[in-house]
N, C-alpha and C. Protein backbone atom coordinates (compact mmCIF):
# COMPACT_ATOMS: atom_id res chain seq x y z
N MET A 1 0.82 -1.19 0.00
CA MET A 1 0.00 0.00 0.00
C MET A 1 0.86 1.26 0.00
N GLY A 2 2.12 1.14 0.33
CA GLY A 2 2.96 2.32 0.35
C GLY A 2 3.01 2.93 1.74
N GLU A 3 3.21 4.25 1.80
CA GLU A 3 3.32 4.95 3.08
C GLU A 3 2.06 5.76 3.35
N GLY A 4 1.88 6.12 4.61
CA GLY A 4 0.76 6.98 4.97
C GLY A 4 -0.15 6.32 5.99
N SER A 5 -1.23 7.02 6.28
CA SER A 5 -2.16 6.58 7.32
C SER A 5 -2.76 5.21 7.04
N GLY A 6 -3.21 5.01 5.81
CA GLY A 6 -3.81 3.72 5.45
C GLY A 6 -2.83 2.58 5.60
N ALA A 7 -1.59 2.81 5.19
CA ALA A 7 -0.56 1.78 5.31
C ALA A 7 -0.28 1.47 6.78
N THR A 8 -0.28 2.49 7.62
CA THR A 8 -0.05 2.28 9.04
C THR A 8 -1.15 1.41 9.65
N VAL A 9 -2.41 1.73 9.30
CA VAL A 9 -3.54 0.94 9.79
C VAL A 9 -3.41 -0.50 9.29
N GLU A 10 -3.14 -0.66 8.01
CA GLU A 10 -3.03 -2.01 7.43
C GLU A 10 -1.93 -2.81 8.11
N GLN A 11 -0.77 -2.21 8.31
CA GLN A 11 0.34 -2.93 8.94
C GLN A 11 -0.02 -3.38 10.35
N GLU A 12 -0.67 -2.51 11.12
CA GLU A 12 -1.06 -2.84 12.50
C GLU A 12 -2.07 -3.99 12.52
N VAL A 13 -3.14 -3.84 11.76
CA VAL A 13 -4.22 -4.83 11.78
C VAL A 13 -3.75 -6.16 11.19
N ALA A 14 -2.95 -6.11 10.15
CA ALA A 14 -2.46 -7.35 9.51
C ALA A 14 -1.57 -8.16 10.44
N ASP A 15 -1.01 -7.53 11.48
CA ASP A 15 -0.17 -8.25 12.44
C ASP A 15 -0.98 -9.04 13.47
N TRP A 16 -2.29 -8.81 13.55
CA TRP A 16 -3.10 -9.53 14.52
C TRP A 16 -3.27 -10.97 14.05
N PRO A 17 -3.24 -11.94 14.98
CA PRO A 17 -3.36 -13.35 14.61
C PRO A 17 -4.63 -13.64 13.79
N GLY A 18 -4.43 -14.31 12.66
CA GLY A 18 -5.56 -14.73 11.83
C GLY A 18 -6.02 -13.71 10.80
N VAL A 19 -5.41 -12.53 10.78
CA VAL A 19 -5.84 -11.48 9.84
C VAL A 19 -5.06 -11.61 8.54
N SER A 20 -5.77 -11.48 7.43
CA SER A 20 -5.11 -11.47 6.12
C SER A 20 -5.59 -10.23 5.35
N THR A 21 -4.83 -9.88 4.33
CA THR A 21 -5.16 -8.72 3.52
C THR A 21 -5.30 -9.13 2.06
N GLY A 22 -5.98 -8.31 1.31
CA GLY A 22 -6.14 -8.56 -0.11
C GLY A 22 -6.81 -7.38 -0.77
N GLU A 23 -6.87 -7.42 -2.08
CA GLU A 23 -7.49 -6.35 -2.86
C GLU A 23 -9.01 -6.51 -2.84
N THR A 24 -9.72 -5.38 -2.85
CA THR A 24 -11.17 -5.42 -3.04
C THR A 24 -11.45 -5.26 -4.53
N SER A 25 -12.68 -5.48 -4.93
CA SER A 25 -13.02 -5.34 -6.34
C SER A 25 -12.97 -3.89 -6.81
N ARG A 26 -12.91 -2.95 -5.87
CA ARG A 26 -12.88 -1.53 -6.23
C ARG A 26 -11.54 -0.86 -5.92
N GLY A 27 -10.50 -1.67 -5.79
CA GLY A 27 -9.16 -1.11 -5.61
C GLY A 27 -8.75 -0.80 -4.19
N GLY A 28 -9.57 -1.15 -3.23
CA GLY A 28 -9.19 -0.93 -1.83
C GLY A 28 -8.41 -2.11 -1.29
N ARG A 29 -8.06 -2.04 -0.02
CA ARG A 29 -7.34 -3.12 0.66
C ARG A 29 -8.25 -3.67 1.75
N ALA A 30 -8.69 -4.92 1.58
CA ALA A 30 -9.56 -5.57 2.56
C ALA A 30 -8.72 -6.25 3.63
N LEU A 31 -9.22 -6.19 4.86
CA LEU A 31 -8.62 -6.90 5.98
C LEU A 31 -9.67 -7.88 6.48
N THR A 32 -9.29 -9.16 6.52
CA THR A 32 -10.25 -10.19 6.89
C THR A 32 -9.72 -11.07 8.01
N TYR A 33 -10.66 -11.65 8.73
CA TYR A 33 -10.36 -12.66 9.75
C TYR A 33 -11.11 -13.90 9.30
N GLY A 34 -10.38 -14.91 8.85
CA GLY A 34 -11.05 -16.05 8.23
C GLY A 34 -11.76 -15.57 6.98
N LYS A 35 -13.07 -15.82 6.93
CA LYS A 35 -13.85 -15.37 5.77
C LYS A 35 -14.62 -14.09 6.06
N VAL A 36 -14.41 -13.52 7.24
CA VAL A 36 -15.15 -12.33 7.66
C VAL A 36 -14.35 -11.07 7.34
N GLU A 37 -14.94 -10.18 6.56
CA GLU A 37 -14.27 -8.91 6.28
C GLU A 37 -14.42 -8.00 7.49
N LEU A 38 -13.28 -7.56 8.02
CA LEU A 38 -13.28 -6.63 9.15
C LEU A 38 -13.53 -5.21 8.66
N GLY A 39 -13.15 -4.95 7.43
CA GLY A 39 -13.30 -3.64 6.81
C GLY A 39 -12.29 -3.51 5.70
N HIS A 40 -12.31 -2.38 5.04
CA HIS A 40 -11.33 -2.14 3.98
C HIS A 40 -10.91 -0.68 3.96
N LEU A 41 -9.72 -0.49 3.41
CA LEU A 41 -9.10 0.83 3.34
C LEU A 41 -9.09 1.33 1.91
N HIS A 42 -9.39 2.60 1.76
CA HIS A 42 -9.29 3.26 0.45
C HIS A 42 -8.08 4.18 0.50
N GLY A 43 -6.91 3.58 0.26
CA GLY A 43 -5.66 4.33 0.30
C GLY A 43 -5.47 5.01 1.64
N ASN A 44 -5.05 6.25 1.59
CA ASN A 44 -4.86 7.04 2.81
C ASN A 44 -6.03 7.98 3.05
N SER A 45 -7.16 7.71 2.38
CA SER A 45 -8.32 8.60 2.47
C SER A 45 -9.30 8.22 3.56
N PHE A 46 -9.74 6.95 3.57
CA PHE A 46 -10.74 6.54 4.55
C PHE A 46 -10.82 5.03 4.65
N ALA A 47 -11.51 4.59 5.72
CA ALA A 47 -11.77 3.16 5.95
C ALA A 47 -13.28 2.96 6.01
N ASP A 48 -13.74 1.84 5.47
CA ASP A 48 -15.14 1.43 5.55
C ASP A 48 -15.19 0.14 6.34
N LEU A 49 -16.10 0.08 7.32
CA LEU A 49 -16.19 -1.10 8.18
C LEU A 49 -17.65 -1.49 8.40
N PRO A 50 -17.94 -2.80 8.39
CA PRO A 50 -19.32 -3.26 8.63
C PRO A 50 -19.58 -3.54 10.11
N PHE A 51 -20.73 -3.12 10.59
CA PHE A 51 -21.16 -3.39 11.95
C PHE A 51 -22.64 -3.73 11.95
N PRO A 52 -23.10 -4.38 13.01
CA PRO A 52 -24.56 -4.51 13.17
C PRO A 52 -25.14 -3.09 13.23
N LYS A 53 -26.36 -2.90 12.72
CA LYS A 53 -26.93 -1.56 12.66
C LYS A 53 -26.97 -0.85 14.01
N LYS A 54 -27.25 -1.59 15.07
CA LYS A 54 -27.30 -0.96 16.40
C LYS A 54 -25.94 -0.38 16.77
N VAL A 55 -24.88 -1.14 16.51
CA VAL A 55 -23.53 -0.65 16.79
C VAL A 55 -23.19 0.52 15.88
N ARG A 56 -23.57 0.40 14.61
CA ARG A 56 -23.34 1.50 13.66
C ARG A 56 -23.97 2.79 14.18
N ASP A 57 -25.22 2.69 14.61
CA ASP A 57 -25.92 3.87 15.11
C ASP A 57 -25.21 4.48 16.32
N GLU A 58 -24.72 3.63 17.22
CA GLU A 58 -24.00 4.11 18.40
C GLU A 58 -22.70 4.80 18.00
N LEU A 59 -21.96 4.20 17.06
CA LEU A 59 -20.70 4.79 16.62
C LEU A 59 -20.91 6.16 15.99
N ILE A 60 -21.96 6.28 15.19
CA ILE A 60 -22.27 7.57 14.55
C ILE A 60 -22.69 8.59 15.60
N GLU A 61 -23.55 8.15 16.53
CA GLU A 61 -24.01 9.05 17.59
C GLU A 61 -22.84 9.55 18.45
N GLN A 62 -21.87 8.68 18.68
CA GLN A 62 -20.70 9.04 19.49
C GLN A 62 -19.67 9.85 18.71
N GLY A 63 -19.87 9.99 17.40
CA GLY A 63 -18.92 10.72 16.58
C GLY A 63 -17.68 9.92 16.23
N ARG A 64 -17.74 8.61 16.43
CA ARG A 64 -16.58 7.75 16.15
C ARG A 64 -16.53 7.30 14.71
N ALA A 65 -17.63 7.50 13.97
CA ALA A 65 -17.70 7.11 12.57
C ALA A 65 -18.81 7.92 11.92
N SER A 66 -18.88 7.84 10.61
CA SER A 66 -19.95 8.54 9.89
C SER A 66 -20.69 7.54 9.00
N VAL A 67 -21.80 7.99 8.46
CA VAL A 67 -22.60 7.17 7.56
C VAL A 67 -21.76 6.80 6.34
N HIS A 68 -21.91 5.58 5.88
CA HIS A 68 -21.22 5.10 4.68
C HIS A 68 -22.05 5.57 3.47
N PRO A 69 -21.58 6.59 2.73
CA PRO A 69 -22.40 7.18 1.67
C PRO A 69 -22.97 6.21 0.63
N PRO A 70 -22.18 5.22 0.15
CA PRO A 70 -22.76 4.32 -0.85
C PRO A 70 -23.91 3.44 -0.30
N LEU A 71 -23.88 3.13 0.99
CA LEU A 71 -24.90 2.26 1.60
C LEU A 71 -25.37 2.89 2.92
N PRO A 72 -26.07 4.02 2.84
CA PRO A 72 -26.41 4.76 4.06
C PRO A 72 -27.37 4.03 5.01
N GLU A 73 -28.13 3.08 4.53
CA GLU A 73 -29.08 2.38 5.38
C GLU A 73 -28.52 1.06 5.91
N SER A 74 -27.30 0.74 5.54
CA SER A 74 -26.68 -0.52 5.96
C SER A 74 -25.97 -0.34 7.30
N GLY A 75 -25.30 -1.37 7.75
CA GLY A 75 -24.51 -1.30 8.97
C GLY A 75 -23.10 -0.75 8.74
N TRP A 76 -22.76 -0.48 7.49
CA TRP A 76 -21.42 0.01 7.17
C TRP A 76 -21.23 1.44 7.67
N VAL A 77 -20.00 1.73 8.14
CA VAL A 77 -19.62 3.08 8.54
C VAL A 77 -18.36 3.48 7.79
N ARG A 78 -18.08 4.75 7.82
CA ARG A 78 -16.87 5.28 7.20
C ARG A 78 -16.15 6.13 8.24
N HIS A 79 -14.82 6.06 8.19
CA HIS A 79 -14.01 6.94 9.02
C HIS A 79 -12.89 7.47 8.15
N ARG A 80 -12.83 8.78 8.05
CA ARG A 80 -11.79 9.41 7.22
C ARG A 80 -10.44 9.34 7.92
N LEU A 81 -9.39 9.34 7.12
CA LEU A 81 -8.02 9.35 7.63
C LEU A 81 -7.41 10.71 7.31
N ASP A 82 -7.86 11.72 8.07
CA ASP A 82 -7.43 13.09 7.80
C ASP A 82 -6.18 13.50 8.57
N GLY A 83 -5.85 12.77 9.63
CA GLY A 83 -4.68 13.14 10.42
C GLY A 83 -4.22 12.00 11.30
N PRO A 84 -3.12 12.18 12.01
CA PRO A 84 -2.56 11.12 12.84
C PRO A 84 -3.53 10.55 13.86
N GLY A 85 -4.39 11.40 14.43
CA GLY A 85 -5.35 10.92 15.41
C GLY A 85 -6.36 9.95 14.83
N ASP A 86 -6.59 10.05 13.53
CA ASP A 86 -7.56 9.16 12.88
C ASP A 86 -7.03 7.74 12.76
N VAL A 87 -5.72 7.57 12.71
CA VAL A 87 -5.14 6.23 12.60
C VAL A 87 -5.55 5.38 13.80
N GLY A 88 -5.37 5.91 15.00
CA GLY A 88 -5.74 5.19 16.20
C GLY A 88 -7.22 4.90 16.27
N ALA A 89 -8.04 5.87 15.87
CA ALA A 89 -9.49 5.69 15.89
C ALA A 89 -9.92 4.58 14.93
N VAL A 90 -9.31 4.54 13.75
CA VAL A 90 -9.65 3.51 12.76
C VAL A 90 -9.18 2.14 13.26
N ILE A 91 -8.00 2.09 13.84
CA ILE A 91 -7.51 0.82 14.39
C ILE A 91 -8.46 0.31 15.48
N GLU A 92 -9.00 1.21 16.31
CA GLU A 92 -9.97 0.81 17.33
C GLU A 92 -11.22 0.20 16.70
N LEU A 93 -11.69 0.77 15.60
CA LEU A 93 -12.86 0.22 14.92
C LEU A 93 -12.55 -1.17 14.36
N PHE A 94 -11.37 -1.31 13.75
CA PHE A 94 -10.98 -2.63 13.27
C PHE A 94 -10.89 -3.62 14.42
N ARG A 95 -10.38 -3.17 15.57
CA ARG A 95 -10.26 -4.05 16.74
C ARG A 95 -11.64 -4.52 17.21
N MET A 96 -12.61 -3.62 17.18
CA MET A 96 -13.98 -4.02 17.56
C MET A 96 -14.47 -5.17 16.67
N ASN A 97 -14.27 -5.02 15.36
CA ASN A 97 -14.71 -6.07 14.43
C ASN A 97 -13.88 -7.34 14.60
N TYR A 98 -12.60 -7.19 14.83
CA TYR A 98 -11.71 -8.34 15.04
C TYR A 98 -12.17 -9.13 16.26
N ASP A 99 -12.41 -8.43 17.36
CA ASP A 99 -12.83 -9.12 18.58
C ASP A 99 -14.16 -9.84 18.38
N ARG A 100 -15.10 -9.23 17.66
CA ARG A 100 -16.39 -9.88 17.38
C ARG A 100 -16.20 -11.12 16.51
N ALA A 101 -15.40 -10.99 15.45
CA ALA A 101 -15.18 -12.10 14.52
C ALA A 101 -14.46 -13.25 15.21
N LYS A 102 -13.47 -12.93 16.03
CA LYS A 102 -12.69 -13.95 16.73
C LYS A 102 -13.57 -14.68 17.75
N ALA A 103 -14.38 -13.94 18.49
CA ALA A 103 -15.27 -14.55 19.47
C ALA A 103 -16.29 -15.47 18.78
N ARG A 104 -16.81 -15.04 17.65
CA ARG A 104 -17.77 -15.86 16.91
C ARG A 104 -17.11 -17.15 16.41
N ALA A 105 -15.88 -17.03 15.90
CA ALA A 105 -15.16 -18.21 15.40
C ALA A 105 -14.87 -19.19 16.54
N GLU A 106 -14.47 -18.66 17.68
CA GLU A 106 -14.17 -19.52 18.83
C GLU A 106 -15.43 -20.19 19.36
N LYS A 107 -16.54 -19.51 19.28
CA LYS A 107 -17.82 -20.08 19.73
C LYS A 107 -18.24 -21.22 18.81
N GLN A 108 -17.99 -21.07 17.52
CA GLN A 108 -18.36 -22.09 16.54
C GLN A 108 -17.47 -23.32 16.61
N SER A 109 -16.21 -23.15 17.00
CA SER A 109 -15.30 -24.29 17.12
C SER A 109 -14.44 -24.11 18.37
N PRO A 110 -15.04 -24.35 19.54
CA PRO A 110 -14.27 -24.16 20.79
C PRO A 110 -13.08 -25.08 20.87
N ARG A 111 -12.00 -24.53 21.40
CA ARG A 111 -10.77 -25.31 21.56
C ARG A 111 -10.86 -26.12 22.85
N GLN A 112 -10.28 -27.28 22.81
CA GLN A 112 -10.20 -28.11 24.01
C GLN A 112 -9.01 -27.64 24.81
N THR A 113 -9.25 -27.21 26.02
CA THR A 113 -8.15 -26.77 26.86
C THR A 113 -8.14 -27.60 28.14
N ALA A 114 -6.95 -27.90 28.61
CA ALA A 114 -6.81 -28.66 29.85
C ALA A 114 -7.05 -27.74 31.03
N PRO A 115 -7.65 -28.26 32.10
CA PRO A 115 -7.83 -27.44 33.30
C PRO A 115 -6.48 -26.97 33.81
N GLU A 116 -6.48 -25.85 34.54
CA GLU A 116 -5.24 -25.31 35.08
C GLU A 116 -4.56 -26.34 35.96
N GLY A 117 -3.24 -26.37 35.87
CA GLY A 117 -2.47 -27.28 36.71
C GLY A 117 -2.19 -28.61 36.06
N GLU A 118 -2.78 -28.87 34.91
CA GLU A 118 -2.53 -30.16 34.24
C GLU A 118 -1.54 -30.00 33.12
């Protein structure tokens, strides 16, 4: 992706266990956990991330994200990458999706763990 805010976000999120990156059909960079898209980056301009509508509404109300213009009625949100402070905010949004996707995957295929002390 090169240098800049989008590259910084991609490098951070791609380092999380189970995350992979790839191209979107519209030239962006998708970040996925398994088969779940956590969101995608449009260069150093902005990130688009999917959330349940209730979470989307809360994020918009809190000023942490804005409506996704192409799909304003969906759960997708957009966060612009206008400055250094936006990098951390976008990484937090990706972390929210990562934690949800990871928890769902673990619930679907729980790992067998030995009790403590064994």
